[in-house]
Amino acid sequence: IIGAKHNIPYHMEPVKDKTGFDMKVAQRFEAPGKIILKPG
């Protein structure tokens, strides 16, 4: 809907997890120009 050139998933896990990142969720994110950023 938003139509950005690049789309990045973040805030991917419940805060209780404490990892700050979930690669499985990031990989399931489907969007134009997807970029996956890991912490760091």
PDB file of all heavy atoms in Angstrom:
ATOM      1  N   ILE A   1       0.832  -1.207   0.000  1.00  0.00           N
ATOM      2  CA  ILE A   1       0.000   0.000   0.000  1.00  0.00           C
ATOM      3  C   ILE A   1       0.866   1.256   0.000  1.00  0.00           C
ATOM      4  O   ILE A   1       0.624   2.206  -0.750  1.00  0.00           O
ATOM      5  CB  ILE A   1      -0.918   0.006   1.245  1.00  0.00           C
ATOM      6  CG1 ILE A   1      -1.957  -1.110   1.157  1.00  0.00           C
ATOM      7  CG2 ILE A   1      -1.620   1.361   1.400  1.00  0.00           C
ATOM      8  CD1 ILE A   1      -2.718  -1.334   2.451  1.00  0.00           C
ATOM      9  N   ILE A   2       1.899   1.247   0.816  1.00  0.00           N
ATOM     10  CA  ILE A   2       2.758   2.430   0.980  1.00  0.00           C
ATOM     11  C   ILE A   2       3.616   2.671  -0.251  1.00  0.00           C
ATOM     12  O   ILE A   2       3.847   3.818  -0.654  1.00  0.00           O
ATOM     13  CB  ILE A   2       3.625   2.262   2.242  1.00  0.00           C
ATOM     14  CG1 ILE A   2       2.733   2.284   3.492  1.00  0.00           C
ATOM     15  CG2 ILE A   2       4.699   3.340   2.330  1.00  0.00           C
ATOM     16  CD1 ILE A   2       3.421   1.770   4.744  1.00  0.00           C
ATOM     17  N   GLY A   3       4.114   1.606  -0.848  1.00  0.00           N
ATOM     18  CA  GLY A   3       4.824   1.723  -2.119  1.00  0.00           C
ATOM     19  C   GLY A   3       6.216   2.330  -2.039  1.00  0.00           C
ATOM     20  O   GLY A   3       6.671   2.958  -2.997  1.00  0.00           O
ATOM     21  N   ALA A   4       6.909   2.142  -0.922  1.00  0.00           N
ATOM     22  CA  ALA A   4       8.287   2.648  -0.832  1.00  0.00           C
ATOM     23  C   ALA A   4       9.201   1.853  -1.765  1.00  0.00           C
ATOM     24  O   ALA A   4       8.931   0.692  -2.102  1.00  0.00           O
ATOM     25  CB  ALA A   4       8.787   2.538   0.601  1.00  0.00           C
ATOM     26  N   LYS A   5      10.295   2.466  -2.144  1.00  0.00           N
ATOM     27  CA  LYS A   5      11.260   1.813  -3.030  1.00  0.00           C
ATOM     28  C   LYS A   5      11.883   0.595  -2.343  1.00  0.00           C
ATOM     29  O   LYS A   5      12.086  -0.448  -2.968  1.00  0.00           O
ATOM     30  CB  LYS A   5      12.346   2.814  -3.434  1.00  0.00           C
ATOM     31  CG  LYS A   5      13.349   2.264  -4.426  1.00  0.00           C
ATOM     32  CD  LYS A   5      14.343   3.351  -4.834  1.00  0.00           C
ATOM     33  CE  LYS A   5      15.367   2.813  -5.830  1.00  0.00           C
ATOM     34  NZ  LYS A   5      16.346   3.872  -6.211  1.00  0.00           N
ATOM     35  N   HIS A   6      12.208   0.748  -1.072  1.00  0.00           N
ATOM     36  CA  HIS A   6      12.782  -0.343  -0.288  1.00  0.00           C
ATOM     37  C   HIS A   6      11.980  -0.513   0.993  1.00  0.00           C
ATOM     38  O   HIS A   6      11.567   0.476   1.605  1.00  0.00           O
ATOM     39  CB  HIS A   6      14.243  -0.060   0.072  1.00  0.00           C
ATOM     40  CG  HIS A   6      15.144   0.034  -1.108  1.00  0.00           C
ATOM     41  ND1 HIS A   6      15.511  -1.058  -1.866  1.00  0.00           N
ATOM     42  CD2 HIS A   6      15.759   1.100  -1.676  1.00  0.00           C
ATOM     43  CE1 HIS A   6      16.314  -0.675  -2.842  1.00  0.00           C
ATOM     44  NE2 HIS A   6      16.468   0.623  -2.756  1.00  0.00           N
ATOM     45  N   ASN A   7      11.789  -1.761   1.408  1.00  0.00           N
ATOM     46  CA  ASN A   7      11.020  -2.052   2.607  1.00  0.00           C
ATOM     47  C   ASN A   7      11.817  -2.950   3.540  1.00  0.00           C
ATOM     48  O   ASN A   7      12.455  -3.915   3.092  1.00  0.00           O
ATOM     49  CB  ASN A   7       9.696  -2.728   2.232  1.00  0.00           C
ATOM     50  CG  ASN A   7       8.765  -1.782   1.503  1.00  0.00           C
ATOM     51  OD1 ASN A   7       8.047  -1.002   2.139  1.00  0.00           O
ATOM     52  ND2 ASN A   7       8.769  -1.825   0.179  1.00  0.00           N
ATOM     53  N   ILE A   8      11.777  -2.622   4.835  1.00  0.00           N
ATOM     54  CA  ILE A   8      12.627  -3.275   5.819  1.00  0.00           C
ATOM     55  C   ILE A   8      11.778  -3.696   7.018  1.00  0.00           C
ATOM     56  O   ILE A   8      11.128  -2.852   7.641  1.00  0.00           O
ATOM     57  CB  ILE A   8      13.749  -2.325   6.278  1.00  0.00           C
ATOM     58  CG1 ILE A   8      14.580  -1.880   5.063  1.00  0.00           C
ATOM     59  CG2 ILE A   8      14.634  -2.980   7.336  1.00  0.00           C
ATOM     60  CD1 ILE A   8      15.437  -0.661   5.307  1.00  0.00           C
ATOM     61  N   PRO A   9      11.763  -4.985   7.373  1.00  0.00           N
ATOM     62  CA  PRO A   9      11.037  -5.415   8.567  1.00  0.00           C
ATOM     63  C   PRO A   9      11.827  -5.086   9.826  1.00  0.00           C
ATOM     64  O   PRO A   9      13.044  -5.256   9.864  1.00  0.00           O
ATOM     65  CB  PRO A   9      10.909  -6.920   8.369  1.00  0.00           C
ATOM     66  CG  PRO A   9      12.123  -7.298   7.579  1.00  0.00           C
ATOM     67  CD  PRO A   9      12.413  -6.109   6.684  1.00  0.00           C
ATOM     68  N   TYR A  10      11.136  -4.590  10.844  1.00  0.00           N
ATOM     69  CA  TYR A  10      11.772  -4.394  12.143  1.00  0.00           C
ATOM     70  C   TYR A  10      10.741  -4.629  13.237  1.00  0.00           C
ATOM     71  O   TYR A  10       9.608  -4.984  12.952  1.00  0.00           O
ATOM     72  CB  TYR A  10      12.469  -3.039  12.230  1.00  0.00           C
ATOM     73  CG  TYR A  10      11.653  -1.800  12.547  1.00  0.00           C
ATOM     74  CD1 TYR A  10      12.256  -0.732  13.205  1.00  0.00           C
ATOM     75  CD2 TYR A  10      10.318  -1.645  12.173  1.00  0.00           C
ATOM     76  CE1 TYR A  10      11.561   0.440  13.490  1.00  0.00           C
ATOM     77  CE2 TYR A  10       9.620  -0.476  12.456  1.00  0.00           C
ATOM     78  CZ  TYR A  10      10.245   0.552  13.117  1.00  0.00           C
ATOM     79  OH  TYR A  10       9.559   1.711  13.406  1.00  0.00           O
ATOM     80  N   HIS A  11      11.168  -4.521  14.514  1.00  0.00           N
ATOM     81  CA  HIS A  11      10.262  -4.824  15.636  1.00  0.00           C
ATOM     82  C   HIS A  11       9.593  -6.165  15.352  1.00  0.00           C
ATOM     83  O   HIS A  11       8.373  -6.292  15.324  1.00  0.00           O
ATOM     84  CB  HIS A  11       9.225  -3.713  15.782  1.00  0.00           C
ATOM     85  CG  HIS A  11       8.615  -3.609  17.149  1.00  0.00           C
ATOM     86  ND1 HIS A  11       7.907  -4.644  17.732  1.00  0.00           N
ATOM     87  CD2 HIS A  11       8.592  -2.599  18.048  1.00  0.00           C
ATOM     88  CE1 HIS A  11       7.466  -4.271  18.911  1.00  0.00           C
ATOM     89  NE2 HIS A  11       7.884  -3.021  19.140  1.00  0.00           N
ATOM     90  N   MET A  12      10.436  -7.195  15.173  1.00  0.00           N
ATOM     91  CA  MET A  12       9.961  -8.480  14.661  1.00  0.00           C
ATOM     92  C   MET A  12       9.658  -9.512  15.721  1.00  0.00           C
ATOM     93  O   MET A  12       9.238 -10.608  15.397  1.00  0.00           O
ATOM     94  CB  MET A  12      11.007  -9.064  13.712  1.00  0.00           C
ATOM     95  CG  MET A  12      10.968  -8.428  12.361  1.00  0.00           C
ATOM     96  SD  MET A  12      12.267  -9.056  11.309  1.00  0.00           S
ATOM     97  CE  MET A  12      13.674  -8.170  11.949  1.00  0.00           C
ATOM     98  N   GLU A  13       9.941  -9.222  16.978  1.00  0.00           N
ATOM     99  CA  GLU A  13       9.734 -10.242  17.998  1.00  0.00           C
ATOM    100  C   GLU A  13       9.211  -9.605  19.273  1.00  0.00           C
ATOM    101  O   GLU A  13       9.430  -8.418  19.512  1.00  0.00           O
ATOM    102  CB  GLU A  13      11.039 -11.007  18.258  1.00  0.00           C
ATOM    103  CG  GLU A  13      12.292 -10.135  18.374  1.00  0.00           C
ATOM    104  CD  GLU A  13      12.400  -9.409  19.691  1.00  0.00           C
ATOM    105  OE1 GLU A  13      12.105  -9.999  20.730  1.00  0.00           O
ATOM    106  OE2 GLU A  13      12.781  -8.231  19.682  1.00  0.00           O
ATOM    107  N   PRO A  14       8.503 -10.376  20.090  1.00  0.00           N
ATOM    108  CA  PRO A  14       8.062  -9.831  21.376  1.00  0.00           C
ATOM    109  C   PRO A  14       9.264  -9.373  22.185  1.00  0.00           C
ATOM    110  O   PRO A  14      10.309 -10.025  22.186  1.00  0.00           O
ATOM    111  CB  PRO A  14       7.357 -11.021  22.036  1.00  0.00           C
ATOM    112  CG  PRO A  14       7.022 -11.945  20.918  1.00  0.00           C
ATOM    113  CD  PRO A  14       8.101 -11.761  19.900  1.00  0.00           C
ATOM    114  N   VAL A  15       9.127  -8.281  22.863  1.00  0.00           N
ATOM    115  CA  VAL A  15      10.271  -7.712  23.574  1.00  0.00           C
ATOM    116  C   VAL A  15      10.824  -8.680  24.617  1.00  0.00           C
ATOM    117  O   VAL A  15      12.005  -8.652  24.940  1.00  0.00           O
ATOM    118  CB  VAL A  15       9.895  -6.356  24.196  1.00  0.00           C
ATOM    119  CG1 VAL A  15       8.906  -6.547  25.330  1.00  0.00           C
ATOM    120  CG2 VAL A  15      11.119  -5.615  24.665  1.00  0.00           C
ATOM    121  N   LYS A  16       9.999  -9.566  25.124  1.00  0.00           N
ATOM    122  CA  LYS A  16      10.478 -10.520  26.126  1.00  0.00           C
ATOM    123  C   LYS A  16      11.544 -11.458  25.565  1.00  0.00           C
ATOM    124  O   LYS A  16      12.309 -12.068  26.306  1.00  0.00           O
ATOM    125  CB  LYS A  16       9.313 -11.341  26.680  1.00  0.00           C
ATOM    126  CG  LYS A  16       8.614 -12.217  25.650  1.00  0.00           C
ATOM    127  CD  LYS A  16       7.417 -12.938  26.260  1.00  0.00           C
ATOM    128  CE  LYS A  16       6.694 -13.790  25.215  1.00  0.00           C
ATOM    129  NZ  LYS A  16       5.513 -14.454  25.776  1.00  0.00           N
ATOM    130  N   ASP A  17      11.595 -11.588  24.245  1.00  0.00           N
ATOM    131  CA  ASP A  17      12.579 -12.456  23.607  1.00  0.00           C
ATOM    132  C   ASP A  17      13.996 -11.927  23.800  1.00  0.00           C
ATOM    133  O   ASP A  17      14.947 -12.685  23.911  1.00  0.00           O
ATOM    134  CB  ASP A  17      12.242 -12.572  22.116  1.00  0.00           C
ATOM    135  CG  ASP A  17      13.135 -13.542  21.378  1.00  0.00           C
ATOM    136  OD1 ASP A  17      14.336 -13.256  21.248  1.00  0.00           O
ATOM    137  OD2 ASP A  17      12.648 -14.589  20.924  1.00  0.00           O
ATOM    138  N   LYS A  18      14.130 -10.599  23.757  1.00  0.00           N
ATOM    139  CA  LYS A  18      15.393  -9.901  24.026  1.00  0.00           C
ATOM    140  C   LYS A  18      16.440 -10.038  22.932  1.00  0.00           C
ATOM    141  O   LYS A  18      17.558  -9.571  23.081  1.00  0.00           O
ATOM    142  CB  LYS A  18      16.019 -10.348  25.357  1.00  0.00           C
ATOM    143  CG  LYS A  18      15.163 -10.080  26.581  1.00  0.00           C
ATOM    144  CD  LYS A  18      14.895  -8.608  26.775  1.00  0.00           C
ATOM    145  CE  LYS A  18      14.108  -8.371  28.059  1.00  0.00           C
ATOM    146  NZ  LYS A  18      13.696  -6.973  28.208  1.00  0.00           N
ATOM    147  N   THR A  19      16.118 -10.695  21.817  1.00  0.00           N
ATOM    148  CA  THR A  19      17.108 -10.807  20.758  1.00  0.00           C
ATOM    149  C   THR A  19      17.097  -9.579  19.845  1.00  0.00           C
ATOM    150  O   THR A  19      18.105  -9.245  19.241  1.00  0.00           O
ATOM    151  CB  THR A  19      16.846 -12.046  19.882  1.00  0.00           C
ATOM    152  OG1 THR A  19      15.588 -11.896  19.216  1.00  0.00           O
ATOM    153  CG2 THR A  19      16.852 -13.312  20.713  1.00  0.00           C
ATOM    154  N   GLY A  20      15.936  -8.941  19.715  1.00  0.00           N
ATOM    155  CA  GLY A  20      15.829  -7.784  18.843  1.00  0.00           C
ATOM    156  C   GLY A  20      15.706  -8.113  17.376  1.00  0.00           C
ATOM    157  O   GLY A  20      15.693  -7.216  16.536  1.00  0.00           O
ATOM    158  N   PHE A  21      15.611  -9.419  17.061  1.00  0.00           N
ATOM    159  CA  PHE A  21      15.598  -9.790  15.646  1.00  0.00           C
ATOM    160  C   PHE A  21      15.087 -11.212  15.495  1.00  0.00           C
ATOM    161  O   PHE A  21      15.321 -12.067  16.348  1.00  0.00           O
ATOM    162  CB  PHE A  21      17.009  -9.679  15.066  1.00  0.00           C
ATOM    163  CG  PHE A  21      17.086  -9.944  13.586  1.00  0.00           C
ATOM    164  CD1 PHE A  21      16.657  -8.986  12.680  1.00  0.00           C
ATOM    165  CD2 PHE A  21      17.558 -11.157  13.113  1.00  0.00           C
ATOM    166  CE1 PHE A  21      16.711  -9.240  11.310  1.00  0.00           C
ATOM    167  CE2 PHE A  21      17.617 -11.411  11.751  1.00  0.00           C
ATOM    168  CZ  PHE A  21      17.190 -10.453  10.855  1.00  0.00           C
ATOM    169  N   ASP A  22      14.389 -11.472  14.394  1.00  0.00           N
ATOM    170  CA  ASP A  22      13.906 -12.819  14.091  1.00  0.00           C
ATOM    171  C   ASP A  22      14.057 -13.050  12.587  1.00  0.00           C
ATOM    172  O   ASP A  22      13.267 -12.545  11.792  1.00  0.00           O
ATOM    173  CB  ASP A  22      12.446 -12.972  14.522  1.00  0.00           C
ATOM    174  CG  ASP A  22      11.941 -14.400  14.410  1.00  0.00           C
ATOM    175  OD1 ASP A  22      12.411 -15.139  13.530  1.00  0.00           O
ATOM    176  OD2 ASP A  22      11.058 -14.776  15.210  1.00  0.00           O
ATOM    177  N   MET A  23      15.066 -13.817  12.203  1.00  0.00           N
ATOM    178  CA  MET A  23      15.345 -14.024  10.783  1.00  0.00           C
ATOM    179  C   MET A  23      14.200 -14.724  10.069  1.00  0.00           C
ATOM    180  O   MET A  23      13.908 -14.427   8.904  1.00  0.00           O
ATOM    181  CB  MET A  23      16.639 -14.818  10.612  1.00  0.00           C
ATOM    182  CG  MET A  23      17.005 -15.096   9.154  1.00  0.00           C
ATOM    183  SD  MET A  23      17.190 -13.584   8.134  1.00  0.00           S
ATOM    184  CE  MET A  23      18.879 -13.129   8.579  1.00  0.00           C
ATOM    185  N   LYS A  24      13.510 -15.642  10.745  1.00  0.00           N
ATOM    186  CA  LYS A  24      12.407 -16.354  10.102  1.00  0.00           C
ATOM    187  C   LYS A  24      11.299 -15.394   9.703  1.00  0.00           C
ATOM    188  O   LYS A  24      10.717 -15.504   8.618  1.00  0.00           O
ATOM    189  CB  LYS A  24      11.871 -17.443  11.027  1.00  0.00           C
ATOM    190  CG  LYS A  24      12.843 -18.609  11.224  1.00  0.00           C
ATOM    191  CD  LYS A  24      12.241 -19.664  12.128  1.00  0.00           C
ATOM    192  CE  LYS A  24      13.204 -20.831  12.303  1.00  0.00           C
ATOM    193  NZ  LYS A  24      12.643 -21.874  13.212  1.00  0.00           N
ATOM    194  N   VAL A  25      11.000 -14.446  10.585  1.00  0.00           N
ATOM    195  CA  VAL A  25       9.986 -13.441  10.258  1.00  0.00           C
ATOM    196  C   VAL A  25      10.486 -12.539   9.131  1.00  0.00           C
ATOM    197  O   VAL A  25       9.754 -12.243   8.184  1.00  0.00           O
ATOM    198  CB  VAL A  25       9.626 -12.604  11.500  1.00  0.00           C
ATOM    199  CG1 VAL A  25       8.734 -11.425  11.117  1.00  0.00           C
ATOM    200  CG2 VAL A  25       8.924 -13.473  12.529  1.00  0.00           C
ATOM    201  N   ALA A  26      11.729 -12.119   9.214  1.00  0.00           N
ATOM    202  CA  ALA A  26      12.294 -11.254   8.182  1.00  0.00           C
ATOM    203  C   ALA A  26      12.221 -11.909   6.809  1.00  0.00           C
ATOM    204  O   ALA A  26      11.923 -11.254   5.804  1.00  0.00           O
ATOM    205  CB  ALA A  26      13.736 -10.903   8.529  1.00  0.00           C
ATOM    206  N   GLN A  27      12.476 -13.196   6.761  1.00  0.00           N
ATOM    207  CA  GLN A  27      12.443 -13.908   5.484  1.00  0.00           C
ATOM    208  C   GLN A  27      11.025 -14.058   4.952  1.00  0.00           C
ATOM    209  O   GLN A  27      10.825 -14.129   3.736  1.00  0.00           O
ATOM    210  CB  GLN A  27      13.111 -15.273   5.640  1.00  0.00           C
ATOM    211  CG  GLN A  27      14.618 -15.173   5.830  1.00  0.00           C
ATOM    212  CD  GLN A  27      15.267 -16.507   6.145  1.00  0.00           C
ATOM    213  OE1 GLN A  27      14.625 -17.422   6.644  1.00  0.00           O
ATOM    214  NE2 GLN A  27      16.556 -16.620   5.856  1.00  0.00           N
ATOM    215  N   ARG A  28      10.036 -14.080   5.836  1.00  0.00           N
ATOM    216  CA  ARG A  28       8.639 -14.199   5.398  1.00  0.00           C
ATOM    217  C   ARG A  28       8.055 -12.859   4.953  1.00  0.00           C
ATOM    218  O   ARG A  28       6.988 -12.828   4.339  1.00  0.00           O
ATOM    219  CB  ARG A  28       7.769 -14.786   6.523  1.00  0.00           C
ATOM    220  CG  ARG A  28       8.072 -16.230   6.850  1.00  0.00           C
ATOM    221  CD  ARG A  28       6.875 -16.921   7.511  1.00  0.00           C
ATOM    222  NE  ARG A  28       6.349 -16.190   8.656  1.00  0.00           N
ATOM    223  CZ  ARG A  28       6.792 -16.328   9.907  1.00  0.00           C
ATOM    224  NH1 ARG A  28       7.780 -17.163  10.170  1.00  0.00           N
ATOM    225  NH2 ARG A  28       6.254 -15.639  10.896  1.00  0.00           N
ATOM    226  N   PHE A  29       8.720 -11.771   5.296  1.00  0.00           N
ATOM    227  CA  PHE A  29       8.265 -10.445   4.888  1.00  0.00           C
ATOM    228  C   PHE A  29       8.382 -10.332   3.369  1.00  0.00           C
ATOM    229  O   PHE A  29       9.448 -10.555   2.802  1.00  0.00           O
ATOM    230  CB  PHE A  29       9.126  -9.381   5.580  1.00  0.00           C
ATOM    231  CG  PHE A  29       8.750  -7.956   5.268  1.00  0.00           C
ATOM    232  CD1 PHE A  29       7.539  -7.431   5.676  1.00  0.00           C
ATOM    233  CD2 PHE A  29       9.641  -7.131   4.593  1.00  0.00           C
ATOM    234  CE1 PHE A  29       7.210  -6.105   5.413  1.00  0.00           C
ATOM    235  CE2 PHE A  29       9.323  -5.815   4.325  1.00  0.00           C
ATOM    236  CZ  PHE A  29       8.101  -5.301   4.736  1.00  0.00           C
ATOM    237  N   GLU A  30       7.277 -10.002   2.713  1.00  0.00           N
ATOM    238  CA  GLU A  30       7.244  -9.912   1.255  1.00  0.00           C
ATOM    239  C   GLU A  30       6.919  -8.487   0.848  1.00  0.00           C
ATOM    240  O   GLU A  30       5.830  -7.982   1.149  1.00  0.00           O
ATOM    241  CB  GLU A  30       6.205 -10.875   0.678  1.00  0.00           C
ATOM    242  CG  GLU A  30       6.507 -12.339   0.956  1.00  0.00           C
ATOM    243  CD  GLU A  30       5.450 -13.268   0.392  1.00  0.00           C
ATOM    244  OE1 GLU A  30       4.496 -12.763  -0.236  1.00  0.00           O
ATOM    245  OE2 GLU A  30       5.583 -14.483   0.571  1.00  0.00           O
ATOM    246  N   ALA A  31       7.871  -7.847   0.173  1.00  0.00           N
ATOM    247  CA  ALA A  31       7.676  -6.448  -0.191  1.00  0.00           C
ATOM    248  C   ALA A  31       8.660  -6.072  -1.290  1.00  0.00           C
ATOM    249  O   ALA A  31       9.738  -6.663  -1.404  1.00  0.00           O
ATOM    250  CB  ALA A  31       7.901  -5.548   1.026  1.00  0.00           C
ATOM    251  N   PRO A  32       8.304  -5.072  -2.087  1.00  0.00           N
ATOM    252  CA  PRO A  32       9.221  -4.603  -3.127  1.00  0.00           C
ATOM    253  C   PRO A  32      10.525  -4.092  -2.518  1.00  0.00           C
ATOM    254  O   PRO A  32      10.513  -3.447  -1.467  1.00  0.00           O
ATOM    255  CB  PRO A  32       8.445  -3.452  -3.789  1.00  0.00           C
ATOM    256  CG  PRO A  32       7.008  -3.709  -3.445  1.00  0.00           C
ATOM    257  CD  PRO A  32       7.023  -4.357  -2.102  1.00  0.00           C
ATOM    258  N   GLY A  33      11.631  -4.409  -3.161  1.00  0.00           N
ATOM    259  CA  GLY A  33      12.920  -3.894  -2.721  1.00  0.00           C
ATOM    260  C   GLY A  33      13.260  -4.259  -1.297  1.00  0.00           C
ATOM    261  O   GLY A  33      13.871  -3.468  -0.572  1.00  0.00           O
ATOM    262  N   LYS A  34      12.890  -5.455  -0.865  1.00  0.00           N
ATOM    263  CA  LYS A  34      13.096  -5.853   0.533  1.00  0.00           C
ATOM    264  C   LYS A  34      14.576  -5.838   0.902  1.00  0.00           C
ATOM    265  O   LYS A  34      15.425  -6.299   0.157  1.00  0.00           O
ATOM    266  CB  LYS A  34      12.529  -7.252   0.781  1.00  0.00           C
ATOM    267  CG  LYS A  34      12.700  -7.721   2.212  1.00  0.00           C
ATOM    268  CD  LYS A  34      11.982  -9.030   2.462  1.00  0.00           C
ATOM    269  CE  LYS A  34      12.855 -10.229   2.190  1.00  0.00           C
ATOM    270  NZ  LYS A  34      12.230 -11.494   2.654  1.00  0.00           N
ATOM    271  N   ILE A  35      14.844  -5.295   2.072  1.00  0.00           N
ATOM    272  CA  ILE A  35      16.185  -5.317   2.656  1.00  0.00           C
ATOM    273  C   ILE A  35      16.059  -5.916   4.049  1.00  0.00           C
ATOM    274  O   ILE A  35      15.195  -5.504   4.826  1.00  0.00           O
ATOM    275  CB  ILE A  35      16.793  -3.906   2.743  1.00  0.00           C
ATOM    276  CG1 ILE A  35      16.969  -3.298   1.347  1.00  0.00           C
ATOM    277  CG2 ILE A  35      18.139  -3.934   3.477  1.00  0.00           C
ATOM    278  CD1 ILE A  35      17.395  -1.837   1.368  1.00  0.00           C
ATOM    279  N   ILE A  36      16.893  -6.877   4.361  1.00  0.00           N
ATOM    280  CA  ILE A  36      16.935  -7.432   5.714  1.00  0.00           C
ATOM    281  C   ILE A  36      18.149  -6.865   6.428  1.00  0.00           C
ATOM    282  O   ILE A  36      19.282  -7.008   5.962  1.00  0.00           O
ATOM    283  CB  ILE A  36      17.005  -8.974   5.696  1.00  0.00           C
ATOM    284  CG1 ILE A  36      15.709  -9.556   5.124  1.00  0.00           C
ATOM    285  CG2 ILE A  36      17.254  -9.514   7.109  1.00  0.00           C
ATOM    286  CD1 ILE A  36      15.722 -11.072   4.998  1.00  0.00           C
ATOM    287  N   LEU A  37      17.906  -6.186   7.531  1.00  0.00           N
ATOM    288  CA  LEU A  37      18.979  -5.662   8.374  1.00  0.00           C
ATOM    289  C   LEU A  37      18.990  -6.435   9.682  1.00  0.00           C
ATOM    290  O   LEU A  37      17.965  -6.534  10.356  1.00  0.00           O
ATOM    291  CB  LEU A  37      18.779  -4.172   8.664  1.00  0.00           C
ATOM    292  CG  LEU A  37      18.890  -3.194   7.504  1.00  0.00           C
ATOM    293  CD1 LEU A  37      18.635  -1.774   8.001  1.00  0.00           C
ATOM    294  CD2 LEU A  37      20.267  -3.276   6.843  1.00  0.00           C
ATOM    295  N   LYS A  38      20.123  -6.977  10.034  1.00  0.00           N
ATOM    296  CA  LYS A  38      20.307  -7.607  11.339  1.00  0.00           C
ATOM    297  C   LYS A  38      20.882  -6.575  12.306  1.00  0.00           C
ATOM    298  O   LYS A  38      21.529  -5.599  11.872  1.00  0.00           O
ATOM    299  CB  LYS A  38      21.243  -8.809  11.231  1.00  0.00           C
ATOM    300  CG  LYS A  38      20.768  -9.887  10.262  1.00  0.00           C
ATOM    301  CD  LYS A  38      21.684 -11.091  10.263  1.00  0.00           C
ATOM    302  CE  LYS A  38      23.080 -10.757   9.779  1.00  0.00           C
ATOM    303  NZ  LYS A  38      23.113 -10.316   8.381  1.00  0.00           N
ATOM    304  N   PRO A  39      20.664  -6.742  13.613  1.00  0.00           N
ATOM    305  CA  PRO A  39      21.254  -5.801  14.564  1.00  0.00           C
ATOM    306  C   PRO A  39      22.759  -5.666  14.342  1.00  0.00           C
ATOM    307  O   PRO A  39      23.473  -6.655  14.210  1.00  0.00           O
ATOM    308  CB  PRO A  39      20.941  -6.433  15.920  1.00  0.00           C
ATOM    309  CG  PRO A  39      19.680  -7.195  15.679  1.00  0.00           C
ATOM    310  CD  PRO A  39      19.818  -7.761  14.292  1.00  0.00           C
ATOM    311  N   GLY A  40      23.197  -4.414  14.233  1.00  0.00           N
ATOM    312  CA  GLY A  40      24.597  -4.131  13.963  1.00  0.00           C
ATOM    313  C   GLY A  40      24.878  -3.841  12.500  1.00  0.00           C
ATOM    314  O   GLY A  40      25.957  -3.322  12.169  1.00  0.00           O
TER     315      GLY A  40
END
